[in-house]
Every structure is written in C-alpha cells, then in structure tokens.
C-alpha cells in the first residue's frame, strides 16, 4: 500500500544530536530517511523530538528550541510535501510559551511535540494549559512522546533494558491517567492529543480501569469522573510506534476505533518498517480500517 502517513518518526538536527548521549548515529541522515520512506510507500512523515538530554548540555530548553525548531522547518521546506513538522517548547520557561508557540506556527510547524513528563511533572499541570488552548485555537495537534529522562520508576530501578522497555511506556500511561483524573481532558475537549506506543500499557489495563473505577465509586473512594475511564480513552489518538504485533493492534482496537489509531514507524529506532506495516495489512480488519490507520485523516488534514 502506498501513500502511507507516518505519525511517529524522528530527525535530530546535527547541532542538537551532538549534544546528546544517544542520538548521534543515523538520527540526522535525512537522505536515508527519504530513501526508507520511498521503499516503504510512506508519502509523509511527522518529525518528532525523541526527548533527550540536549537541554542539559546546551544551557536550557530555550537554546534547544532555538536550534531545533528552525532546523526542522528547514528540512520541511527543503523536501516539500514529505514531512510534517512538530515544534518543541522551552518547558523550563512557561512564561515564554506563547511567544514560542507563535514562532512554531510562523515556521510552518503544525504539531506540538511534548514529553509525557518533565522531571516528574506530568502534563496535567496547569502550566501546560496555555499550550492546549493555543493548539485548540490554531487547529494544531499535540503529540506526546515518552520521557526518557527520569521516567516513572527510574528512581527505584535504572536498567539499560528495563528502563526503556517498561518505564518509558509506563510514563505515557501515567500521563494519560493524570490528564483524565485532573479534568484536563474535560477542560480542553477540542484539543487533539496523540499518544505514542498505543498509550503505553493502556490497552492492557482499560478493562481494569473501568472495573476498578466502578468499585471505588460505590465506596466513595474516587471522585466522579462524569464517565467511565474507557470513555475518555475512546476520544484520544494513539500511534503504534513501530509495533509489529497484530495482537497488540487488536488489543488497542478494544480501547478505541481505527479512526483513532495511527501508523507510526518510530524511525530510525525501528529498522524493520515493512513488518510494522504488515501488522496492519495482515490484521483481521476491513480495508477501510486498514486505510484509516495507514493514512489517518487527523494527520492528513495537516498536509
């Protein structure tokens, strides 16, 4: 299948990549990225910030934004029609969010790239509310990527395999839960969020969320959320982040419908994109649902 839209890929500008501990090899080769896209039938790819330690080495988030956002805009302008850009914000300076959001928009970046948390502060914190209002008012999407710097649990277990496999995705799930429990989703019902990695473990705990909420409400142990947790999850978007399992896709479809699931390659971390595409094409889905996941309208509207 051709004309695929990739909702989760990465490009790190060399000036930023050099300031990171991890993103130095194959993360700044746009020609290779285009070649891989062509070989896989990917028409357009959303370029996301993978979260990194660059801000620690560059003197703060504003310095990273000053280097990263214009560089992503340059890549988009140099390869018209192939990329969608996501801008980042100086999360340590909420007072300049509005100015940076306006610059992101002026640069032609149509998505806001956030991490699931920042030094333990999740996206339900009210300092982020101006971002959600701006995204709503300017028809921008918000993509939430796992935080790799001090994700949930790393204070107890820091392991080169367990941390990226478990703690990164748990951080995404906790972010969703916090946004629900705080009422943020209700406060900004028209703001569109895309969460990476199928929302972390969300597809596996959706039923537990609903059952436990019912039980706790009967005993007065949890506040009234106005609807079941599962009803919130139906209205947010998830990308598959390079997953290759048909079973994982089917599990995600128990949380929401195909209209809310987006193909994402997680390039260049994922080196087997055809297998990720095959997981969709070989799934027990209608052709319409497969097309919806591979060429989702939510991103297609930005192209």
C-alpha atoms as a PDB file:
ATOM      1  CA  UNK A   1       0.000   0.000   0.000  1.00  0.00           C
ATOM      2  CA  UNK A   2       1.255   3.467  -0.891  1.00  0.00           C
ATOM      3  CA  UNK A   3       0.513   6.987   0.346  1.00  0.00           C
ATOM      4  CA  UNK A   4       1.107   5.994   3.957  1.00  0.00           C
ATOM      5  CA  UNK A   5       1.373   8.755   6.568  1.00  0.00           C
ATOM      6  CA  UNK A   6       3.873   8.047   9.323  1.00  0.00           C
ATOM      7  CA  UNK A   7       2.777   9.606  12.633  1.00  0.00           C
ATOM      8  CA  UNK A   8       5.949   8.822  14.572  1.00  0.00           C
ATOM      9  CA  UNK A   9       9.411   9.356  13.106  1.00  0.00           C
ATOM     10  CA  UNK A  10      12.464  11.285  14.197  1.00  0.00           C
ATOM     11  CA  UNK A  11      15.106  13.575  12.774  1.00  0.00           C
ATOM     12  CA  UNK A  12      17.685  15.198  15.032  1.00  0.00           C
ATOM     13  CA  UNK A  13      19.471  18.266  13.661  1.00  0.00           C
ATOM     14  CA  UNK A  14      23.217  17.602  13.850  1.00  0.00           C
ATOM     15  CA  UNK A  15      23.810  20.600  16.145  1.00  0.00           C
ATOM     16  CA  UNK A  16      21.379  19.110  18.641  1.00  0.00           C
ATOM     17  CA  UNK A  17      22.334  15.470  18.141  1.00  0.00           C
ATOM     18  CA  UNK A  18      25.950  16.240  19.011  1.00  0.00           C
ATOM     19  CA  UNK A  19      24.797  17.470  22.407  1.00  0.00           C
ATOM     20  CA  UNK A  20      23.068  14.197  23.319  1.00  0.00           C
ATOM     21  CA  UNK A  21      24.361  10.944  24.749  1.00  0.00           C
ATOM     22  CA  UNK A  22      22.364   8.699  22.410  1.00  0.00           C
ATOM     23  CA  UNK A  23      21.098  10.337  19.209  1.00  0.00           C
ATOM     24  CA  UNK A  24      24.365  10.629  17.295  1.00  0.00           C
ATOM     25  CA  UNK A  25      24.244   7.756  14.812  1.00  0.00           C
ATOM     26  CA  UNK A  26      21.691   7.624  11.952  1.00  0.00           C
ATOM     27  CA  UNK A  27      19.381  10.204  13.537  1.00  0.00           C
ATOM     28  CA  UNK A  28      20.471  13.097  11.304  1.00  0.00           C
ATOM     29  CA  UNK A  29      20.506  11.476   7.855  1.00  0.00           C
ATOM     30  CA  UNK A  30      17.505  12.899   6.031  1.00  0.00           C
ATOM     31  CA  UNK A  31      18.527  11.383   2.674  1.00  0.00           C
ATOM     32  CA  UNK A  32      18.486   7.907   4.184  1.00  0.00           C
ATOM     33  CA  UNK A  33      15.167   8.663   5.821  1.00  0.00           C
ATOM     34  CA  UNK A  34      13.647   9.654   2.488  1.00  0.00           C
ATOM     35  CA  UNK A  35      15.054   6.535   0.855  1.00  0.00           C
ATOM     36  CA  UNK A  36      13.484   4.332   3.535  1.00  0.00           C
ATOM     37  CA  UNK A  37      10.186   6.173   3.188  1.00  0.00           C
ATOM     38  CA  UNK A  38      10.191   5.666  -0.584  1.00  0.00           C
ATOM     39  CA  UNK A  39      10.958   1.985  -0.191  1.00  0.00           C
ATOM     40  CA  UNK A  40       8.056   1.520   2.235  1.00  0.00           C
ATOM     41  CA  UNK A  41       5.449   3.581   0.389  1.00  0.00           C
ATOM     42  CA  UNK A  42       5.441   6.317   3.037  1.00  0.00           C
ATOM     43  CA  UNK A  43       4.254   9.566   1.483  1.00  0.00           C
ATOM     44  CA  UNK A  44       4.744  11.833   4.508  1.00  0.00           C
ATOM     45  CA  UNK A  45       6.279  11.526   7.952  1.00  0.00           C
ATOM     46  CA  UNK A  46       5.751  13.515  11.125  1.00  0.00           C
ATOM     47  CA  UNK A  47       9.111  14.539  12.606  1.00  0.00           C
ATOM     48  CA  UNK A  48       9.052  14.397  16.407  1.00  0.00           C
ATOM     49  CA  UNK A  49      11.521  15.298  19.100  1.00  0.00           C
ATOM     50  CA  UNK A  50      12.533  11.996  20.749  1.00  0.00           C
ATOM     51  CA  UNK A  51      13.220  13.680  24.120  1.00  0.00           C
ATOM     52  CA  UNK A  52      16.874  13.795  25.067  1.00  0.00           C
ATOM     53  CA  UNK A  53      19.455  15.272  27.399  1.00  0.00           C
ATOM     54  CA  UNK A  54      20.370  18.073  24.973  1.00  0.00           C
ATOM     55  CA  UNK A  55      18.925  20.756  27.252  1.00  0.00           C
ATOM     56  CA  UNK A  56      21.398  19.737  29.959  1.00  0.00           C
ATOM     57  CA  UNK A  57      24.325  20.262  27.602  1.00  0.00           C
ATOM     58  CA  UNK A  58      23.104  23.338  25.711  1.00  0.00           C
ATOM     59  CA  UNK A  59      22.221  25.647  28.590  1.00  0.00           C
ATOM     60  CA  UNK A  60      18.497  25.015  28.888  1.00  0.00           C
ATOM     61  CA  UNK A  61      15.448  24.291  26.778  1.00  0.00           C
ATOM     62  CA  UNK A  62      15.332  27.690  25.082  1.00  0.00           C
ATOM     63  CA  UNK A  63      18.712  27.043  23.471  1.00  0.00           C
ATOM     64  CA  UNK A  64      17.467  23.676  22.231  1.00  0.00           C
ATOM     65  CA  UNK A  65      14.307  25.273  20.790  1.00  0.00           C
ATOM     66  CA  UNK A  66      16.363  27.963  19.044  1.00  0.00           C
ATOM     67  CA  UNK A  67      18.384  25.253  17.302  1.00  0.00           C
ATOM     68  CA  UNK A  68      15.775  22.546  16.823  1.00  0.00           C
ATOM     69  CA  UNK A  69      12.632  24.302  15.603  1.00  0.00           C
ATOM     70  CA  UNK A  70      14.213  26.301  12.731  1.00  0.00           C
ATOM     71  CA  UNK A  71      16.184  23.210  11.658  1.00  0.00           C
ATOM     72  CA  UNK A  72      13.036  21.107  11.417  1.00  0.00           C
ATOM     73  CA  UNK A  73      11.379  23.891   9.431  1.00  0.00           C
ATOM     74  CA  UNK A  74      14.366  23.907   7.044  1.00  0.00           C
ATOM     75  CA  UNK A  75      14.035  20.159   6.464  1.00  0.00           C
ATOM     76  CA  UNK A  76      10.344  20.559   5.687  1.00  0.00           C
ATOM     77  CA  UNK A  77      10.973  23.434   3.279  1.00  0.00           C
ATOM     78  CA  UNK A  78      13.789  21.564   1.545  1.00  0.00           C
ATOM     79  CA  UNK A  79      11.618  18.489   0.983  1.00  0.00           C
ATOM     80  CA  UNK A  80       8.200  19.938   0.255  1.00  0.00           C
ATOM     81  CA  UNK A  81       5.329  17.533   0.795  1.00  0.00           C
ATOM     82  CA  UNK A  82       7.368  14.829   2.516  1.00  0.00           C
ATOM     83  CA  UNK A  83       7.425  15.910   6.146  1.00  0.00           C
ATOM     84  CA  UNK A  84       5.145  17.389   8.789  1.00  0.00           C
ATOM     85  CA  UNK A  85       6.970  19.307  11.497  1.00  0.00           C
ATOM     86  CA  UNK A  86       6.483  19.225  15.250  1.00  0.00           C
ATOM     87  CA  UNK A  87       7.965  22.030  17.333  1.00  0.00           C
ATOM     88  CA  UNK A  88       9.194  21.873  20.905  1.00  0.00           C
ATOM     89  CA  UNK A  89       8.856  24.342  23.767  1.00  0.00           C
ATOM     90  CA  UNK A  90      11.142  25.725  26.490  1.00  0.00           C
ATOM     91  CA  UNK A  91       9.367  23.753  29.193  1.00  0.00           C
ATOM     92  CA  UNK A  92      11.525  25.311  31.911  1.00  0.00           C
ATOM     93  CA  UNK A  93      10.195  28.793  30.980  1.00  0.00           C
ATOM     94  CA  UNK A  94       6.371  28.682  30.892  1.00  0.00           C
ATOM     95  CA  UNK A  95       6.276  32.479  30.711  1.00  0.00           C
ATOM     96  CA  UNK A  96       7.531  32.362  27.102  1.00  0.00           C
ATOM     97  CA  UNK A  97       5.274  29.528  25.906  1.00  0.00           C
ATOM     98  CA  UNK A  98       3.033  31.845  23.912  1.00  0.00           C
ATOM     99  CA  UNK A  99       5.922  33.535  22.101  1.00  0.00           C
ATOM    100  CA  UNK A 100       7.477  30.187  21.191  1.00  0.00           C
ATOM    101  CA  UNK A 101       4.134  28.763  20.081  1.00  0.00           C
ATOM    102  CA  UNK A 102       3.672  31.717  17.739  1.00  0.00           C
ATOM    103  CA  UNK A 103       7.179  31.140  16.352  1.00  0.00           C
ATOM    104  CA  UNK A 104       6.426  27.452  15.836  1.00  0.00           C
ATOM    105  CA  UNK A 105       3.328  28.409  13.880  1.00  0.00           C
ATOM    106  CA  UNK A 106       5.229  31.009  11.841  1.00  0.00           C
ATOM    107  CA  UNK A 107       7.848  28.376  10.972  1.00  0.00           C
ATOM    108  CA  UNK A 108       5.125  26.195   9.456  1.00  0.00           C
ATOM    109  CA  UNK A 109       5.249  23.523  12.169  1.00  0.00           C
ATOM    110  CA  UNK A 110       1.745  22.167  12.677  1.00  0.00           C
ATOM    111  CA  UNK A 111       2.229  19.853  15.639  1.00  0.00           C
ATOM    112  CA  UNK A 112       3.475  20.452  19.183  1.00  0.00           C
ATOM    113  CA  UNK A 113       5.822  17.758  20.474  1.00  0.00           C
ATOM    114  CA  UNK A 114       5.688  17.190  24.236  1.00  0.00           C
ATOM    115  CA  UNK A 115       7.136  14.559  26.535  1.00  0.00           C
ATOM    116  CA  UNK A 116       4.904  12.599  28.891  1.00  0.00           C
ATOM    117  CA  UNK A 117       6.533  14.297  31.887  1.00  0.00           C
ATOM    118  CA  UNK A 118       9.328  16.679  32.784  1.00  0.00           C
ATOM    119  CA  UNK A 119      11.314  15.947  35.951  1.00  0.00           C
ATOM    120  CA  UNK A 120       8.283  14.189  37.385  1.00  0.00           C
ATOM    121  CA  UNK A 121       5.797  16.927  36.414  1.00  0.00           C
ATOM    122  CA  UNK A 122       3.075  15.498  34.179  1.00  0.00           C
ATOM    123  CA  UNK A 123       1.073  17.267  31.519  1.00  0.00           C
ATOM    124  CA  UNK A 124      -1.926  17.759  33.793  1.00  0.00           C
ATOM    125  CA  UNK A 125      -0.037  20.599  35.489  1.00  0.00           C
ATOM    126  CA  UNK A 126      -1.763  23.916  34.791  1.00  0.00           C
ATOM    127  CA  UNK A 127       1.449  25.449  33.452  1.00  0.00           C
ATOM    128  CA  UNK A 128       0.722  23.475  30.269  1.00  0.00           C
ATOM    129  CA  UNK A 129      -2.853  24.742  29.865  1.00  0.00           C
ATOM    130  CA  UNK A 130      -1.870  27.680  27.602  1.00  0.00           C
ATOM    131  CA  UNK A 131      -0.368  25.124  25.202  1.00  0.00           C
ATOM    132  CA  UNK A 132      -3.631  23.210  24.994  1.00  0.00           C
ATOM    133  CA  UNK A 133      -5.632  26.379  24.447  1.00  0.00           C
ATOM    134  CA  UNK A 134      -3.261  27.539  21.700  1.00  0.00           C
ATOM    135  CA  UNK A 135      -3.400  24.132  19.989  1.00  0.00           C
ATOM    136  CA  UNK A 136      -7.193  24.197  20.120  1.00  0.00           C
ATOM    137  CA  UNK A 137      -7.458  27.732  18.774  1.00  0.00           C
ATOM    138  CA  UNK A 138      -4.987  27.145  15.914  1.00  0.00           C
ATOM    139  CA  UNK A 139      -6.040  23.615  14.936  1.00  0.00           C
ATOM    140  CA  UNK A 140      -2.687  22.143  15.931  1.00  0.00           C
ATOM    141  CA  UNK A 141      -2.128  18.610  17.208  1.00  0.00           C
ATOM    142  CA  UNK A 142      -0.248  17.697  20.364  1.00  0.00           C
ATOM    143  CA  UNK A 143       1.928  14.600  20.196  1.00  0.00           C
ATOM    144  CA  UNK A 144       3.073  13.056  23.480  1.00  0.00           C
ATOM    145  CA  UNK A 145       6.302  11.048  23.359  1.00  0.00           C
ATOM    146  CA  UNK A 146       7.721   9.007  26.250  1.00  0.00           C
ATOM    147  CA  UNK A 147      10.030  10.853  28.577  1.00  0.00           C
ATOM    148  CA  UNK A 148      13.427   9.171  28.632  1.00  0.00           C
ATOM    149  CA  UNK A 149      14.947  11.463  31.261  1.00  0.00           C
ATOM    150  CA  UNK A 150      13.830  10.309  34.705  1.00  0.00           C
ATOM    151  CA  UNK A 151      10.660   8.448  33.657  1.00  0.00           C
ATOM    152  CA  UNK A 152       8.406   6.950  36.292  1.00  0.00           C
ATOM    153  CA  UNK A 153      10.198   4.283  38.324  1.00  0.00           C
ATOM    154  CA  UNK A 154      13.758   5.211  37.380  1.00  0.00           C
ATOM    155  CA  UNK A 155      14.420   6.403  40.914  1.00  0.00           C
ATOM    156  CA  UNK A 156      13.930   2.791  42.040  1.00  0.00           C
ATOM    157  CA  UNK A 157      15.165   0.834  39.027  1.00  0.00           C
ATOM    158  CA  UNK A 158      17.662   2.159  36.495  1.00  0.00           C
ATOM    159  CA  UNK A 159      18.478  -0.526  33.979  1.00  0.00           C
ATOM    160  CA  UNK A 160      19.612  -0.309  30.317  1.00  0.00           C
ATOM    161  CA  UNK A 161      16.848  -2.707  29.224  1.00  0.00           C
ATOM    162  CA  UNK A 162      14.102  -2.401  31.845  1.00  0.00           C
ATOM    163  CA  UNK A 163      14.014   1.395  31.784  1.00  0.00           C
ATOM    164  CA  UNK A 164      13.321   1.825  28.040  1.00  0.00           C
ATOM    165  CA  UNK A 165      11.049  -1.218  27.782  1.00  0.00           C
ATOM    166  CA  UNK A 166       8.924  -0.626  30.866  1.00  0.00           C
ATOM    167  CA  UNK A 167       9.443   2.803  32.397  1.00  0.00           C
ATOM    168  CA  UNK A 168       9.212   4.814  29.172  1.00  0.00           C
ATOM    169  CA  UNK A 169       5.803   3.379  28.289  1.00  0.00           C
ATOM    170  CA  UNK A 170       4.533   3.447  31.882  1.00  0.00           C
ATOM    171  CA  UNK A 171       5.285   7.163  31.853  1.00  0.00           C
ATOM    172  CA  UNK A 172       2.964   7.620  28.862  1.00  0.00           C
ATOM    173  CA  UNK A 173       0.182   5.669  30.576  1.00  0.00           C
ATOM    174  CA  UNK A 174       0.571   7.667  33.780  1.00  0.00           C
ATOM    175  CA  UNK A 175       0.407  10.878  31.746  1.00  0.00           C
ATOM    176  CA  UNK A 176      -2.929   9.831  30.245  1.00  0.00           C
ATOM    177  CA  UNK A 177      -4.244   8.850  33.655  1.00  0.00           C
ATOM    178  CA  UNK A 178      -3.202  12.160  35.194  1.00  0.00           C
ATOM    179  CA  UNK A 179      -4.824  14.158  32.374  1.00  0.00           C
ATOM    180  CA  UNK A 180      -8.045  12.219  32.968  1.00  0.00           C
ATOM    181  CA  UNK A 181      -8.049  12.436  36.774  1.00  0.00           C
ATOM    182  CA  UNK A 182      -7.239  16.159  36.787  1.00  0.00           C
ATOM    183  CA  UNK A 183     -10.110  17.013  34.449  1.00  0.00           C
ATOM    184  CA  UNK A 184      -7.739  18.332  31.779  1.00  0.00           C
ATOM    185  CA  UNK A 185      -9.422  16.307  29.041  1.00  0.00           C
ATOM    186  CA  UNK A 186     -12.759  17.813  30.100  1.00  0.00           C
ATOM    187  CA  UNK A 187     -11.245  21.309  30.257  1.00  0.00           C
ATOM    188  CA  UNK A 188      -9.954  21.028  26.675  1.00  0.00           C
ATOM    189  CA  UNK A 189     -12.348  18.686  24.860  1.00  0.00           C
ATOM    190  CA  UNK A 190     -11.463  20.086  21.428  1.00  0.00           C
ATOM    191  CA  UNK A 191      -7.679  19.771  21.840  1.00  0.00           C
ATOM    192  CA  UNK A 192      -6.433  16.722  19.977  1.00  0.00           C
ATOM    193  CA  UNK A 193      -3.782  14.578  21.679  1.00  0.00           C
ATOM    194  CA  UNK A 194      -1.797  11.761  20.062  1.00  0.00           C
ATOM    195  CA  UNK A 195      -0.026   9.421  22.496  1.00  0.00           C
ATOM    196  CA  UNK A 196       2.853   7.234  21.403  1.00  0.00           C
ATOM    197  CA  UNK A 197       3.194   3.458  21.843  1.00  0.00           C
ATOM    198  CA  UNK A 198      -0.569   2.783  21.921  1.00  0.00           C
ATOM    199  CA  UNK A 199      -0.721   4.830  25.112  1.00  0.00           C
ATOM    200  CA  UNK A 200       1.813   2.571  26.836  1.00  0.00           C
ATOM    201  CA  UNK A 201       0.104  -0.216  28.773  1.00  0.00           C
ATOM    202  CA  UNK A 202      -3.325   1.376  28.378  1.00  0.00           C
ATOM    203  CA  UNK A 203      -4.745  -1.320  26.047  1.00  0.00           C
ATOM    204  CA  UNK A 204      -3.959  -3.947  28.680  1.00  0.00           C
ATOM    205  CA  UNK A 205      -5.483  -2.087  31.649  1.00  0.00           C
ATOM    206  CA  UNK A 206      -8.502  -0.385  30.074  1.00  0.00           C
ATOM    207  CA  UNK A 207     -10.889  -3.020  31.465  1.00  0.00           C
ATOM    208  CA  UNK A 208      -9.242  -2.814  34.883  1.00  0.00           C
ATOM    209  CA  UNK A 209      -9.624   0.966  34.808  1.00  0.00           C
ATOM    210  CA  UNK A 210     -13.378   0.701  34.235  1.00  0.00           C
ATOM    211  CA  UNK A 211     -13.986  -2.128  36.719  1.00  0.00           C
ATOM    212  CA  UNK A 212     -11.888  -0.560  39.457  1.00  0.00           C
ATOM    213  CA  UNK A 213     -13.474   2.852  38.931  1.00  0.00           C
ATOM    214  CA  UNK A 214     -16.975   1.335  39.311  1.00  0.00           C
ATOM    215  CA  UNK A 215     -15.946  -0.433  42.515  1.00  0.00           C
ATOM    216  CA  UNK A 216     -14.285   2.614  44.056  1.00  0.00           C
ATOM    217  CA  UNK A 217     -17.167   4.927  43.141  1.00  0.00           C
ATOM    218  CA  UNK A 218     -19.611   2.687  45.016  1.00  0.00           C
ATOM    219  CA  UNK A 219     -17.491   3.069  48.132  1.00  0.00           C
ATOM    220  CA  UNK A 220     -16.804   6.772  47.647  1.00  0.00           C
ATOM    221  CA  UNK A 221     -13.061   6.277  47.305  1.00  0.00           C
ATOM    222  CA  UNK A 222     -12.681   8.125  43.993  1.00  0.00           C
ATOM    223  CA  UNK A 223     -14.225  11.307  42.648  1.00  0.00           C
ATOM    224  CA  UNK A 224     -16.878  11.332  39.957  1.00  0.00           C
ATOM    225  CA  UNK A 225     -15.167  11.497  36.565  1.00  0.00           C
ATOM    226  CA  UNK A 226     -18.543  12.078  34.837  1.00  0.00           C
ATOM    227  CA  UNK A 227     -17.959   8.980  32.683  1.00  0.00           C
ATOM    228  CA  UNK A 228     -16.023   5.738  32.703  1.00  0.00           C
ATOM    229  CA  UNK A 229     -12.267   5.960  32.059  1.00  0.00           C
ATOM    230  CA  UNK A 230     -12.751   3.922  28.897  1.00  0.00           C
ATOM    231  CA  UNK A 231     -14.996   6.643  27.509  1.00  0.00           C
ATOM    232  CA  UNK A 232     -12.115   9.114  27.771  1.00  0.00           C
ATOM    233  CA  UNK A 233      -9.742   6.756  26.006  1.00  0.00           C
ATOM    234  CA  UNK A 234     -12.073   6.399  23.011  1.00  0.00           C
ATOM    235  CA  UNK A 235     -11.646  10.083  22.188  1.00  0.00           C
ATOM    236  CA  UNK A 236      -7.847  10.375  22.164  1.00  0.00           C
ATOM    237  CA  UNK A 237      -5.435   9.239  19.459  1.00  0.00           C
ATOM    238  CA  UNK A 238      -2.660   6.653  19.639  1.00  0.00           C
ATOM    239  CA  UNK A 239       0.229   5.845  17.350  1.00  0.00           C
ATOM    240  CA  UNK A 240       1.677   2.351  17.085  1.00  0.00           C
ATOM    241  CA  UNK A 241       5.315   3.487  17.335  1.00  0.00           C
ATOM    242  CA  UNK A 242       6.840   0.732  15.237  1.00  0.00           C
ATOM    243  CA  UNK A 243       4.920  -2.149  16.834  1.00  0.00           C
ATOM    244  CA  UNK A 244       4.925  -5.297  14.738  1.00  0.00           C
ATOM    245  CA  UNK A 245       2.340  -7.365  16.619  1.00  0.00           C
ATOM    246  CA  UNK A 246      -1.110  -7.929  15.170  1.00  0.00           C
ATOM    247  CA  UNK A 247      -2.209  -8.899  18.671  1.00  0.00           C
ATOM    248  CA  UNK A 248      -1.122  -5.549  20.099  1.00  0.00           C
ATOM    249  CA  UNK A 249      -3.097  -3.782  17.375  1.00  0.00           C
ATOM    250  CA  UNK A 250      -6.204  -5.822  18.135  1.00  0.00           C
ATOM    251  CA  UNK A 251      -5.793  -5.026  21.817  1.00  0.00           C
ATOM    252  CA  UNK A 252      -5.615  -1.306  21.024  1.00  0.00           C
ATOM    253  CA  UNK A 253      -8.802  -1.647  18.983  1.00  0.00           C
ATOM    254  CA  UNK A 254     -10.573  -2.732  22.176  1.00  0.00           C
ATOM    255  CA  UNK A 255      -9.757   0.723  23.564  1.00  0.00           C
ATOM    256  CA  UNK A 256     -10.755   2.826  20.547  1.00  0.00           C
ATOM    257  CA  UNK A 257     -11.617   2.505  16.876  1.00  0.00           C
ATOM    258  CA  UNK A 258      -9.423   2.579  13.780  1.00  0.00           C
ATOM    259  CA  UNK A 259     -10.102   6.304  13.306  1.00  0.00           C
ATOM    260  CA  UNK A 260      -8.067   6.957  16.459  1.00  0.00           C
ATOM    261  CA  UNK A 261      -5.077   4.715  15.736  1.00  0.00           C
ATOM    262  CA  UNK A 262      -2.230   5.960  13.547  1.00  0.00           C
ATOM    263  CA  UNK A 263       0.583   4.096  11.887  1.00  0.00           C
ATOM    264  CA  UNK A 264       3.933   5.187  13.269  1.00  0.00           C
ATOM    265  CA  UNK A 265       7.293   3.743  12.256  1.00  0.00           C
ATOM    266  CA  UNK A 266       9.464   5.033  15.128  1.00  0.00           C
ATOM    267  CA  UNK A 267      12.245   5.516  12.548  1.00  0.00           C
ATOM    268  CA  UNK A 268      15.224   5.299  12.947  1.00  0.00           C
ATOM    269  CA  UNK A 269      14.829   3.355  16.213  1.00  0.00           C
ATOM    270  CA  UNK A 270      12.767   0.780  14.315  1.00  0.00           C
ATOM    271  CA  UNK A 271      14.739  -0.681  11.424  1.00  0.00           C
ATOM    272  CA  UNK A 272      12.006  -3.026  10.157  1.00  0.00           C
ATOM    273  CA  UNK A 273       9.263  -0.731   8.966  1.00  0.00           C
ATOM    274  CA  UNK A 274       7.803  -3.209   6.419  1.00  0.00           C
ATOM    275  CA  UNK A 275       6.985  -5.585   9.265  1.00  0.00           C
ATOM    276  CA  UNK A 276       5.168  -2.818  11.133  1.00  0.00           C
ATOM    277  CA  UNK A 277       3.112  -2.084   8.017  1.00  0.00           C
ATOM    278  CA  UNK A 278       2.436  -5.817   7.573  1.00  0.00           C
ATOM    279  CA  UNK A 279       0.979  -5.977  11.085  1.00  0.00           C
ATOM    280  CA  UNK A 280      -1.789  -3.693   9.822  1.00  0.00           C
ATOM    281  CA  UNK A 281      -2.238  -5.202   6.368  1.00  0.00           C
ATOM    282  CA  UNK A 282      -2.443  -8.759   7.759  1.00  0.00           C
ATOM    283  CA  UNK A 283      -4.746  -7.897  10.661  1.00  0.00           C
ATOM    284  CA  UNK A 284      -8.361  -9.046  10.701  1.00  0.00           C
ATOM    285  CA  UNK A 285      -9.667  -5.624   9.719  1.00  0.00           C
ATOM    286  CA  UNK A 286     -11.709  -4.191   6.895  1.00  0.00           C
ATOM    287  CA  UNK A 287      -9.850  -2.491   4.060  1.00  0.00           C
ATOM    288  CA  UNK A 288     -11.379   0.765   5.213  1.00  0.00           C
ATOM    289  CA  UNK A 289      -9.974   0.377   8.720  1.00  0.00           C
ATOM    290  CA  UNK A 290      -6.538  -0.512   7.377  1.00  0.00           C
ATOM    291  CA  UNK A 291      -6.590   2.564   5.171  1.00  0.00           C
ATOM    292  CA  UNK A 292      -7.687   4.693   8.115  1.00  0.00           C
ATOM    293  CA  UNK A 293      -4.731   3.567  10.234  1.00  0.00           C
ATOM    294  CA  UNK A 294      -2.172   3.930   7.440  1.00  0.00           C
ATOM    295  CA  UNK A 295      -3.489   7.252   6.114  1.00  0.00           C
ATOM    296  CA  UNK A 296      -5.241   8.748   9.110  1.00  0.00           C
ATOM    297  CA  UNK A 297      -7.389  11.790   8.445  1.00  0.00           C
ATOM    298  CA  UNK A 298      -6.208  13.581  11.585  1.00  0.00           C
ATOM    299  CA  UNK A 299      -2.714  13.957  10.111  1.00  0.00           C
ATOM    300  CA  UNK A 300      -3.870  14.021   6.532  1.00  0.00           C
ATOM    301  CA  UNK A 301      -5.765  17.216   7.289  1.00  0.00           C
ATOM    302  CA  UNK A 302      -2.441  18.937   8.054  1.00  0.00           C
ATOM    303  CA  UNK A 303      -0.805  18.001   4.759  1.00  0.00           C
END
